[in-house]
Amino acid sequence: MSSKSSSFGLWRRWCAVPLWLQILTGMLLGIATGALLGPDATLLKPIGTLFVNTIKMLIVPLVFCSLIVGVTSMQDTARMGRIGFKSFVFYLGTTAFAISLGLLVGSVIQPGAGLSLEGHDLTAEVKAAPSVMETLINIVPTNPVAALANGQILQVIVFAVALGVALVLIGDHGKPAIRVFESLAEAMYKLTDMVMKLAPYGVFGLMAWVAGEYGMDMLLPLIKVILAVYLGCALHVLGFYSLILKLFAGLSPLQFFKGISNAMAVAFTTSSSAGTLPASMKCASEYLGVNKKISSFVLPLGTTINMDGTALYQGVTALFVAQAFGIDLTWVDYLTIVLTATLASIGTAGVPGAGLVMLTLVLTTVGLPLEGVAIIAGIDRVLDMARTVVNVSGDLVATTVIARSEGEIDVEHYNADMETSARMASEQDSQC
């Protein structure tokens, strides 16, 4: 009886451990087990395969429902429609740039080069890439139901966006359907959370198989992946965002980063864009001088559809997987990765494990082995800290630029020191 009680206590303590630490533990135990068992560790691969299958199960309904919710979250009034359109274009544009930068960094650093995994059965499963014309033609589904059933991700994304726009345009008649999709999306978020609880065991099985089948040489390049992602994130935030602020808003990037330092710190420590939203709202109004009418709309929308950091991470990790398995990507594959990650960012932002879900989408679209997801999962928390900072910073950049274009930012407030800015914000709130 005491042994059962002790086991139950250990289980409860294990369940209380943060998921990222559970996954890291599963990865380390898997590596140790694989190194110990050698080729016999292949027997543990089915555990990881089951986890990969559960992720595959989520892809289509998760993207379809949450994408519609993201599109329909924009208001139908003229002003909100205009601001929503600006936000939408801004977020998609910066996301496309982010994944392009990730692909560039991955091409230069080549974190998966020299792993010599080509020739295994996984590489044999990769299909020839379609031509550009075929890709453009096939992006619009002739049968949306068939696209959903067959898991044609790009077609599902196009249909979901079109349906979301139509639901907004029909006004009150679309509200019942929108509520249904909102409910389904919440259910999918919960199901994703449930599936992600299996991640430590799935990662254990696949990492044991990887270490046993391919040896420890497979695991050393993960350090290069971390360095590549952090370098890309730094370039995107300090370089690209600074350029946008200067060119499109005529504002000081240094003053901006001082103003959002609190939100960046919260983002880095929590790895949650949604969890950082209160801090982002406070920074926008208190230190950047943005009107709350703008920040209260653009920031939550950004939490839903903006994933610059995650998109950049997709570029680096997709190339890592391709290089690790000896697969040469064509320029059509690169364009497909950019398009898929950009559009999929609308449908998976704010979802627990969104980075891994998006990586699964990208790998599936260009025919790369999904076992690469498990390899990345072990260091996903470390990568998540950096990419969340980029996501949150991108939300605040968009809010600042759009507020500037709408004449809804107090430039004097923006350029003031943080103590003065806080006092000015307090005075404005008391006047309201």
Protein backbone atom coordinates (compact mmCIF):
# COMPACT_ATOMS: atom_id res chain seq x y z
CA MET A 1 0.00 0.00 0.00
CA SER A 2 2.85 2.35 0.87
CA SER A 3 4.62 1.56 -2.43
CA LYS A 4 1.45 2.43 -4.34
CA SER A 5 1.11 5.67 -2.40
CA SER A 6 4.76 6.48 -3.08
CA SER A 7 4.34 5.77 -6.80
CA PHE A 8 1.23 7.94 -6.94
CA GLY A 9 3.12 10.74 -5.21
CA LEU A 10 5.96 10.49 -7.73
CA TRP A 11 3.44 10.58 -10.57
CA ARG A 12 1.78 13.69 -9.17
CA ARG A 13 5.14 15.41 -8.82
CA TRP A 14 6.02 14.46 -12.40
CA CYS A 15 2.73 15.88 -13.67
CA ALA A 16 3.48 19.13 -11.83
CA VAL A 17 6.76 19.54 -13.74
CA PRO A 18 6.48 22.10 -16.61
CA LEU A 19 5.87 20.47 -19.98
CA TRP A 20 9.06 21.87 -21.52
CA LEU A 21 11.10 20.26 -18.73
CA GLN A 22 9.24 16.98 -19.19
CA ILE A 23 10.08 17.04 -22.92
CA LEU A 24 13.72 17.88 -22.20
CA THR A 25 13.84 15.03 -19.69
CA GLY A 26 12.28 12.67 -22.24
CA MET A 27 14.87 13.72 -24.81
CA LEU A 28 17.81 13.18 -22.45
CA LEU A 29 16.49 9.82 -21.26
CA GLY A 30 15.86 8.82 -24.87
CA ILE A 31 19.42 9.72 -25.85
CA ALA A 32 20.83 7.77 -22.91
CA THR A 33 18.59 4.77 -23.64
CA GLY A 34 19.48 4.79 -27.33
CA ALA A 35 23.20 5.04 -26.58
CA LEU A 36 22.85 2.12 -24.15
CA LEU A 37 20.71 -0.18 -26.30
CA GLY A 38 22.20 0.67 -29.68
CA PRO A 39 20.26 -0.73 -32.67
CA ASP A 40 17.86 -2.52 -30.28
CA ALA A 41 16.41 0.90 -29.42
CA THR A 42 14.45 0.62 -32.67
CA LEU A 43 11.88 -1.29 -30.61
CA LEU A 44 10.96 2.00 -28.93
CA LYS A 45 10.27 3.82 -32.20
CA PRO A 46 6.51 2.92 -32.25
CA ILE A 47 6.05 5.07 -29.12
CA GLY A 48 7.30 8.07 -31.06
CA THR A 49 5.37 7.08 -34.16
CA LEU A 50 2.12 7.14 -32.18
CA PHE A 51 2.93 10.66 -31.00
CA VAL A 52 3.65 11.79 -34.57
CA ASN A 53 0.33 10.28 -35.66
CA THR A 54 -1.56 12.20 -32.97
CA ILE A 55 -0.01 15.43 -34.22
CA LYS A 56 -1.04 14.53 -37.77
CA MET A 57 -4.57 13.97 -36.47
CA LEU A 58 -4.74 17.57 -35.23
CA ILE A 59 -3.42 19.40 -38.27
CA VAL A 60 -6.44 19.79 -40.54
CA PRO A 61 -9.22 20.51 -37.99
CA LEU A 62 -6.94 22.75 -35.91
CA VAL A 63 -5.83 24.89 -38.84
CA PHE A 64 -9.30 25.03 -40.41
CA CYS A 65 -11.19 26.10 -37.28
CA SER A 66 -8.63 28.46 -35.77
CA LEU A 67 -7.90 30.10 -39.12
CA ILE A 68 -11.57 30.97 -39.58
CA VAL A 69 -11.66 32.37 -36.05
CA GLY A 70 -8.56 34.47 -36.77
CA VAL A 71 -10.05 35.93 -39.95
CA THR A 72 -13.48 36.61 -38.45
CA SER A 73 -12.01 38.30 -35.37
CA MET A 74 -11.69 41.52 -37.38
CA GLN A 75 -14.60 43.94 -36.87
CA ASP A 76 -16.86 44.95 -39.73
CA THR A 77 -16.98 48.71 -39.08
CA ALA A 78 -15.21 50.95 -41.59
CA ARG A 79 -12.42 52.10 -39.29
CA MET A 80 -11.83 48.75 -37.67
CA GLY A 81 -11.94 47.20 -41.13
CA ARG A 82 -9.22 49.57 -42.31
CA ILE A 83 -7.07 49.01 -39.24
CA GLY A 84 -7.69 45.29 -39.45
CA PHE A 85 -6.60 45.26 -43.09
CA LYS A 86 -3.41 47.18 -42.28
CA SER A 87 -2.68 44.79 -39.42
CA PHE A 88 -3.37 41.74 -41.54
CA VAL A 89 -1.09 42.90 -44.37
CA PHE A 90 1.62 43.98 -41.93
CA TYR A 91 1.62 40.71 -40.03
CA LEU A 92 1.63 38.52 -43.14
CA GLY A 93 4.34 40.64 -44.77
CA THR A 94 6.68 40.53 -41.77
CA THR A 95 6.01 36.82 -41.31
CA ALA A 96 6.98 36.12 -44.92
CA PHE A 97 10.17 38.13 -44.42
CA ALA A 98 10.90 36.27 -41.16
CA ILE A 99 10.76 32.82 -42.68
CA SER A 100 12.81 34.01 -45.65
CA LEU A 101 15.43 35.26 -43.18
CA GLY A 102 15.27 31.91 -41.39
CA LEU A 103 15.90 30.08 -44.67
CA LEU A 104 18.83 32.40 -45.40
CA VAL A 105 20.38 31.87 -41.96
CA GLY A 106 19.84 28.11 -42.26
CA SER A 107 21.47 28.10 -45.70
CA VAL A 108 24.52 29.98 -44.43
CA ILE A 109 25.04 28.15 -41.12
CA GLN A 110 23.78 24.74 -42.37
CA PRO A 111 23.03 23.23 -38.93
CA GLY A 112 22.16 19.81 -40.36
CA ALA A 113 25.07 19.47 -42.78
CA GLY A 114 27.27 16.39 -42.52
CA LEU A 115 24.82 14.12 -40.69
CA SER A 116 24.88 11.53 -43.52
CA LEU A 117 21.37 10.15 -43.06
CA GLU A 118 20.66 9.88 -46.78
CA GLY A 119 19.92 6.41 -48.12
CA HIS A 120 17.55 5.43 -45.32
CA ASP A 121 13.94 4.58 -46.03
CA LEU A 122 12.80 8.01 -44.81
CA THR A 123 14.43 9.80 -47.71
CA ALA A 124 12.86 7.40 -50.17
CA GLU A 125 9.43 8.63 -49.14
CA VAL A 126 10.07 12.19 -50.35
CA LYS A 127 8.03 13.04 -53.45
CA ALA A 128 9.21 15.13 -56.37
CA ALA A 129 8.33 18.79 -55.97
CA PRO A 130 5.56 20.07 -58.28
CA SER A 131 6.22 22.89 -60.71
CA VAL A 132 5.33 26.48 -59.86
CA MET A 133 2.33 26.39 -62.20
CA GLU A 134 1.04 23.17 -60.62
CA THR A 135 1.45 24.70 -57.17
CA LEU A 136 -0.50 27.82 -58.14
CA ILE A 137 -3.27 25.82 -59.79
CA ASN A 138 -3.58 23.29 -56.97
CA ILE A 139 -3.71 25.92 -54.22
CA VAL A 140 -7.46 26.40 -54.88
CA PRO A 141 -9.42 23.24 -54.04
CA THR A 142 -11.98 21.93 -56.52
CA ASN A 143 -13.51 19.96 -53.65
CA PRO A 144 -12.98 21.50 -50.19
CA VAL A 145 -14.27 18.37 -48.44
CA ALA A 146 -11.75 16.23 -50.32
CA ALA A 147 -9.00 18.72 -49.41
CA LEU A 148 -9.95 18.40 -45.74
CA ALA A 149 -10.10 14.61 -45.95
CA ASN A 150 -6.79 14.27 -47.78
CA GLY A 151 -4.97 16.80 -45.64
CA GLN A 152 -4.10 19.19 -48.49
CA ILE A 153 -2.88 21.95 -46.19
CA LEU A 154 -2.54 24.81 -48.66
CA GLN A 155 -6.00 24.11 -50.08
CA VAL A 156 -7.47 23.94 -46.58
CA ILE A 157 -5.87 27.30 -45.72
CA VAL A 158 -7.24 28.98 -48.87
CA PHE A 159 -10.75 27.62 -48.29
CA ALA A 160 -10.71 28.59 -44.59
CA VAL A 161 -9.62 32.16 -45.39
CA ALA A 162 -12.29 32.49 -48.09
CA LEU A 163 -14.99 31.10 -45.78
CA GLY A 164 -13.89 33.39 -42.93
CA VAL A 165 -14.08 36.46 -45.17
CA ALA A 166 -17.53 35.39 -46.41
CA LEU A 167 -18.80 34.96 -42.84
CA VAL A 168 -17.65 38.49 -42.02
CA LEU A 169 -19.28 39.95 -45.13
CA ILE A 170 -22.72 38.47 -44.44
CA GLY A 171 -22.87 40.23 -41.08
CA ASP A 172 -25.38 38.97 -38.52
CA HIS A 173 -26.22 35.90 -40.60
CA GLY A 174 -22.66 34.68 -40.13
CA LYS A 175 -22.51 35.10 -36.35
CA PRO A 176 -24.06 31.69 -35.47
CA ALA A 177 -21.53 29.90 -37.70
CA ILE A 178 -18.69 31.99 -36.27
CA ARG A 179 -19.71 30.98 -32.74
CA VAL A 180 -19.66 27.32 -33.83
CA PHE A 181 -16.15 27.66 -35.24
CA GLU A 182 -15.03 29.53 -32.11
CA SER A 183 -16.31 26.64 -30.00
CA LEU A 184 -14.65 24.06 -32.25
CA ALA A 185 -11.41 26.04 -32.19
CA GLU A 186 -11.42 26.10 -28.39
CA ALA A 187 -12.02 22.34 -28.40
CA MET A 188 -9.08 21.87 -30.78
CA TYR A 189 -6.87 24.02 -28.57
CA LYS A 190 -7.78 21.81 -25.63
CA LEU A 191 -7.18 18.65 -27.65
CA THR A 192 -3.82 20.03 -28.73
CA ASP A 193 -2.98 20.65 -25.08
CA MET A 194 -3.93 17.03 -24.30
CA VAL A 195 -1.81 15.69 -27.16
CA MET A 196 1.18 17.81 -26.15
CA LYS A 197 1.13 16.10 -22.75
CA LEU A 198 2.19 12.96 -24.64
CA ALA A 199 5.19 14.76 -26.13
CA PRO A 200 7.74 13.64 -23.45
CA TYR A 201 6.99 10.00 -24.16
CA GLY A 202 6.91 10.42 -27.93
CA VAL A 203 10.19 12.35 -27.85
CA PHE A 204 11.70 9.65 -25.63
CA GLY A 205 10.78 6.91 -28.11
CA LEU A 206 12.02 8.73 -31.20
CA MET A 207 15.19 10.10 -29.61
CA ALA A 208 16.05 6.63 -28.31
CA TRP A 209 15.59 5.31 -31.84
CA VAL A 210 17.63 8.16 -33.37
CA ALA A 211 20.50 7.75 -30.89
CA GLY A 212 20.46 3.98 -31.23
CA GLU A 213 20.11 3.88 -35.01
CA TYR A 214 22.37 6.74 -36.04
CA GLY A 215 24.65 7.30 -33.05
CA MET A 216 25.49 10.38 -30.98
CA ASP A 217 26.89 12.25 -34.01
CA MET A 218 23.26 12.99 -34.90
CA LEU A 219 22.70 15.08 -31.78
CA LEU A 220 25.65 17.50 -31.81
CA PRO A 221 24.25 19.78 -34.58
CA LEU A 222 21.35 20.78 -32.28
CA ILE A 223 23.68 23.39 -30.78
CA LYS A 224 24.04 24.88 -34.26
CA VAL A 225 20.24 24.96 -34.58
CA ILE A 226 19.93 27.00 -31.36
CA LEU A 227 22.66 29.41 -32.46
CA ALA A 228 21.09 29.81 -35.91
CA VAL A 229 17.61 30.53 -34.51
CA TYR A 230 18.89 33.05 -31.94
CA LEU A 231 21.01 34.80 -34.57
CA GLY A 232 18.05 35.02 -36.93
CA CYS A 233 15.79 36.37 -34.18
CA ALA A 234 18.34 39.04 -33.23
CA LEU A 235 18.71 40.14 -36.85
CA HIS A 236 14.94 40.29 -37.33
CA VAL A 237 14.23 42.31 -34.18
CA LEU A 238 17.21 44.66 -34.10
CA GLY A 239 17.63 45.01 -37.85
CA PHE A 240 14.33 44.54 -39.68
CA TYR A 241 12.01 46.01 -37.03
CA SER A 242 14.31 48.99 -36.50
CA LEU A 243 14.24 49.67 -40.24
CA ILE A 244 10.42 49.50 -40.32
CA LEU A 245 10.08 51.92 -37.40
CA LYS A 246 12.45 54.40 -39.00
CA LEU A 247 11.08 54.19 -42.56
CA PHE A 248 7.33 53.84 -41.98
CA ALA A 249 6.85 55.69 -38.69
CA GLY A 250 9.85 58.04 -38.45
CA LEU A 251 10.38 56.96 -34.85
CA SER A 252 13.50 56.09 -32.86
CA PRO A 253 14.09 52.30 -32.67
CA LEU A 254 16.18 52.73 -29.51
CA GLN A 255 13.31 54.55 -27.79
CA PHE A 256 10.96 51.79 -28.92
CA PHE A 257 13.04 48.97 -27.49
CA LYS A 258 13.41 50.84 -24.20
CA GLY A 259 9.64 51.18 -24.06
CA ILE A 260 8.91 47.48 -24.70
CA SER A 261 11.73 46.04 -22.58
CA ASN A 262 9.29 44.84 -19.91
CA ALA A 263 7.14 42.99 -22.45
CA MET A 264 10.23 41.42 -24.03
CA ALA A 265 11.37 40.16 -20.62
CA VAL A 266 7.95 38.65 -19.88
CA ALA A 267 7.87 37.04 -23.34
CA PHE A 268 11.32 35.50 -22.88
CA THR A 269 10.55 34.04 -19.46
CA THR A 270 6.99 32.82 -20.13
CA SER A 271 7.36 31.80 -23.82
CA SER A 272 3.72 32.81 -24.29
CA SER A 273 2.51 35.59 -26.59
CA ALA A 274 -0.96 35.42 -25.05
CA GLY A 275 0.48 35.48 -21.55
CA THR A 276 2.53 38.56 -22.45
CA LEU A 277 -0.48 40.47 -23.83
CA PRO A 278 -1.22 42.43 -20.60
CA ALA A 279 2.42 43.57 -20.45
CA SER A 280 2.31 44.48 -24.15
CA MET A 281 -0.86 46.53 -23.67
CA LYS A 282 0.73 48.39 -20.77
CA CYS A 283 3.92 49.12 -22.73
CA ALA A 284 1.95 50.38 -25.75
CA SER A 285 -0.11 52.90 -23.79
CA GLU A 286 2.26 53.75 -20.95
CA TYR A 287 5.63 53.98 -22.72
CA LEU A 288 4.90 54.26 -26.45
CA GLY A 289 2.02 56.72 -26.26
CA VAL A 290 -0.29 54.61 -28.43
CA ASN A 291 -4.03 55.28 -28.11
CA LYS A 292 -5.76 52.36 -26.38
CA LYS A 293 -8.35 52.26 -29.16
CA ILE A 294 -5.57 51.08 -31.48
CA SER A 295 -3.59 48.86 -29.10
CA SER A 296 -6.71 47.08 -27.79
CA PHE A 297 -7.49 45.92 -31.34
CA VAL A 298 -4.11 45.43 -33.04
CA LEU A 299 -2.32 43.65 -30.17
CA PRO A 300 -4.92 40.89 -29.59
CA LEU A 301 -5.14 40.41 -33.36
CA GLY A 302 -1.37 40.05 -33.46
CA THR A 303 -1.50 37.45 -30.71
CA THR A 304 -3.89 35.52 -32.96
CA ILE A 305 -2.20 35.76 -36.35
CA ASN A 306 1.35 37.11 -35.94
CA MET A 307 4.15 34.56 -35.60
CA ASP A 308 7.28 36.16 -37.01
CA GLY A 309 9.57 34.39 -34.55
CA THR A 310 7.95 31.03 -35.11
CA ALA A 311 8.07 31.51 -38.89
CA LEU A 312 11.79 32.29 -38.71
CA TYR A 313 12.25 29.16 -36.63
CA GLN A 314 10.44 27.17 -39.34
CA GLY A 315 12.95 28.29 -41.94
CA VAL A 316 15.97 27.25 -39.87
CA THR A 317 14.54 23.95 -38.64
CA ALA A 318 13.07 22.93 -42.01
CA LEU A 319 16.50 23.32 -43.58
CA PHE A 320 18.04 21.45 -40.64
CA VAL A 321 15.72 18.49 -41.26
CA ALA A 322 16.36 18.58 -45.03
CA GLN A 323 20.12 18.71 -44.49
CA ALA A 324 20.01 16.02 -41.78
CA PHE A 325 18.20 13.57 -44.06
CA GLY A 326 20.23 14.46 -47.14
CA ILE A 327 17.35 16.04 -49.08
CA ASP A 328 18.05 18.79 -51.57
CA LEU A 329 15.30 21.41 -51.69
CA THR A 330 14.49 23.24 -54.91
CA TRP A 331 13.63 26.92 -55.15
CA VAL A 332 10.01 25.83 -55.55
CA ASP A 333 10.29 24.08 -52.17
CA TYR A 334 11.65 27.29 -50.66
CA LEU A 335 8.71 29.28 -52.02
CA THR A 336 6.31 26.61 -50.75
CA ILE A 337 7.83 26.78 -47.27
CA VAL A 338 7.49 30.58 -47.24
CA LEU A 339 3.87 30.44 -48.42
CA THR A 340 2.85 27.61 -46.09
CA ALA A 341 4.42 29.05 -42.95
CA THR A 342 3.08 32.54 -43.69
CA LEU A 343 -0.51 31.41 -44.15
CA ALA A 344 -0.40 28.72 -41.47
CA SER A 345 0.75 31.30 -38.93
CA ILE A 346 -2.80 32.66 -38.92
CA GLY A 347 -4.22 29.29 -38.01
CA THR A 348 -1.82 28.11 -35.32
CA ALA A 349 -0.78 31.22 -33.39
CA GLY A 350 -1.50 31.07 -29.68
CA VAL A 351 -1.89 27.27 -29.73
CA PRO A 352 0.09 25.25 -27.15
CA GLY A 353 2.94 23.65 -29.07
CA ALA A 354 2.27 25.95 -32.03
CA GLY A 355 5.90 25.85 -33.15
CA LEU A 356 5.89 22.07 -33.47
CA VAL A 357 2.46 22.09 -35.14
CA MET A 358 3.65 24.64 -37.70
CA LEU A 359 6.86 22.69 -38.26
CA THR A 360 4.76 19.61 -38.95
CA LEU A 361 2.75 21.58 -41.51
CA VAL A 362 5.87 22.84 -43.26
CA LEU A 363 7.57 19.44 -43.34
CA THR A 364 4.39 17.79 -44.63
CA THR A 365 3.93 20.34 -47.40
CA VAL A 366 7.38 19.81 -48.90
CA GLY A 367 7.53 16.09 -48.14
CA LEU A 368 10.21 16.12 -45.43
CA PRO A 369 10.32 13.38 -42.75
CA LEU A 370 8.18 14.19 -39.70
CA GLU A 371 10.68 12.43 -37.44
CA GLY A 372 12.54 15.74 -37.57
CA VAL A 373 9.84 17.17 -35.30
CA ALA A 374 10.91 14.91 -32.45
CA ILE A 375 14.55 15.88 -32.89
CA ILE A 376 13.65 19.57 -32.59
CA ALA A 377 11.14 19.00 -29.75
CA GLY A 378 13.87 18.40 -27.20
CA ILE A 379 15.24 21.92 -27.62
CA ASP A 380 11.90 23.53 -28.48
CA ARG A 381 11.60 25.35 -25.15
CA VAL A 382 14.99 27.01 -25.62
CA LEU A 383 13.98 28.09 -29.12
CA ASP A 384 10.51 29.12 -27.94
CA MET A 385 11.95 31.76 -25.60
CA ALA A 386 13.64 33.59 -28.47
CA ARG A 387 10.83 33.29 -31.00
CA THR A 388 8.22 34.52 -28.49
CA VAL A 389 10.27 37.70 -28.00
CA VAL A 390 10.15 38.21 -31.77
CA ASN A 391 6.39 37.56 -31.90
CA VAL A 392 5.64 40.03 -29.11
CA SER A 393 8.03 42.65 -30.49
CA GLY A 394 6.36 42.30 -33.90
CA ASP A 395 2.94 42.88 -32.36
CA LEU A 396 4.16 46.10 -30.74
CA VAL A 397 5.94 47.28 -33.90
CA ALA A 398 2.71 46.80 -35.87
CA THR A 399 0.71 48.64 -33.20
CA THR A 400 3.14 51.56 -33.22
CA VAL A 401 3.36 51.87 -37.02
CA ILE A 402 -0.42 51.58 -37.51
CA ALA A 403 -1.10 54.08 -34.70
CA ARG A 404 1.33 56.49 -36.36
CA SER A 405 -0.46 56.10 -39.72
CA GLU A 406 -3.81 56.76 -38.03
CA GLY A 407 -2.56 59.78 -36.06
CA GLU A 408 -3.22 57.90 -32.81
CA ILE A 409 0.20 58.14 -31.18
CA ASP A 410 1.57 60.89 -28.95
CA VAL A 411 5.10 61.42 -30.31
CA GLU A 412 6.12 63.55 -27.32
CA HIS A 413 4.98 60.76 -25.04
CA TYR A 414 6.86 58.22 -27.19
CA ASN A 415 10.15 60.15 -27.00
CA ALA A 416 9.96 60.82 -23.27
CA ASP A 417 11.97 58.81 -20.75
CA MET A 418 10.18 55.90 -19.11
CA GLU A 419 9.44 57.70 -15.83
CA THR A 420 7.94 60.70 -17.65
CA SER A 421 6.00 58.42 -19.99
CA ALA A 422 4.45 56.57 -17.06
CA ARG A 423 3.43 59.89 -15.46
CA MET A 424 1.91 61.16 -18.72
CA ALA A 425 -0.04 57.92 -19.13
CA SER A 426 -1.34 58.22 -15.57
CA GLU A 427 -2.47 61.78 -16.21
CA GLN A 428 -4.26 60.77 -19.39
CA ASP A 429 -6.08 57.95 -17.59
CA SER A 430 -7.19 60.30 -14.81
CA GLN A 431 -8.55 62.76 -17.40
CA CYS A 432 -10.52 59.96 -19.06
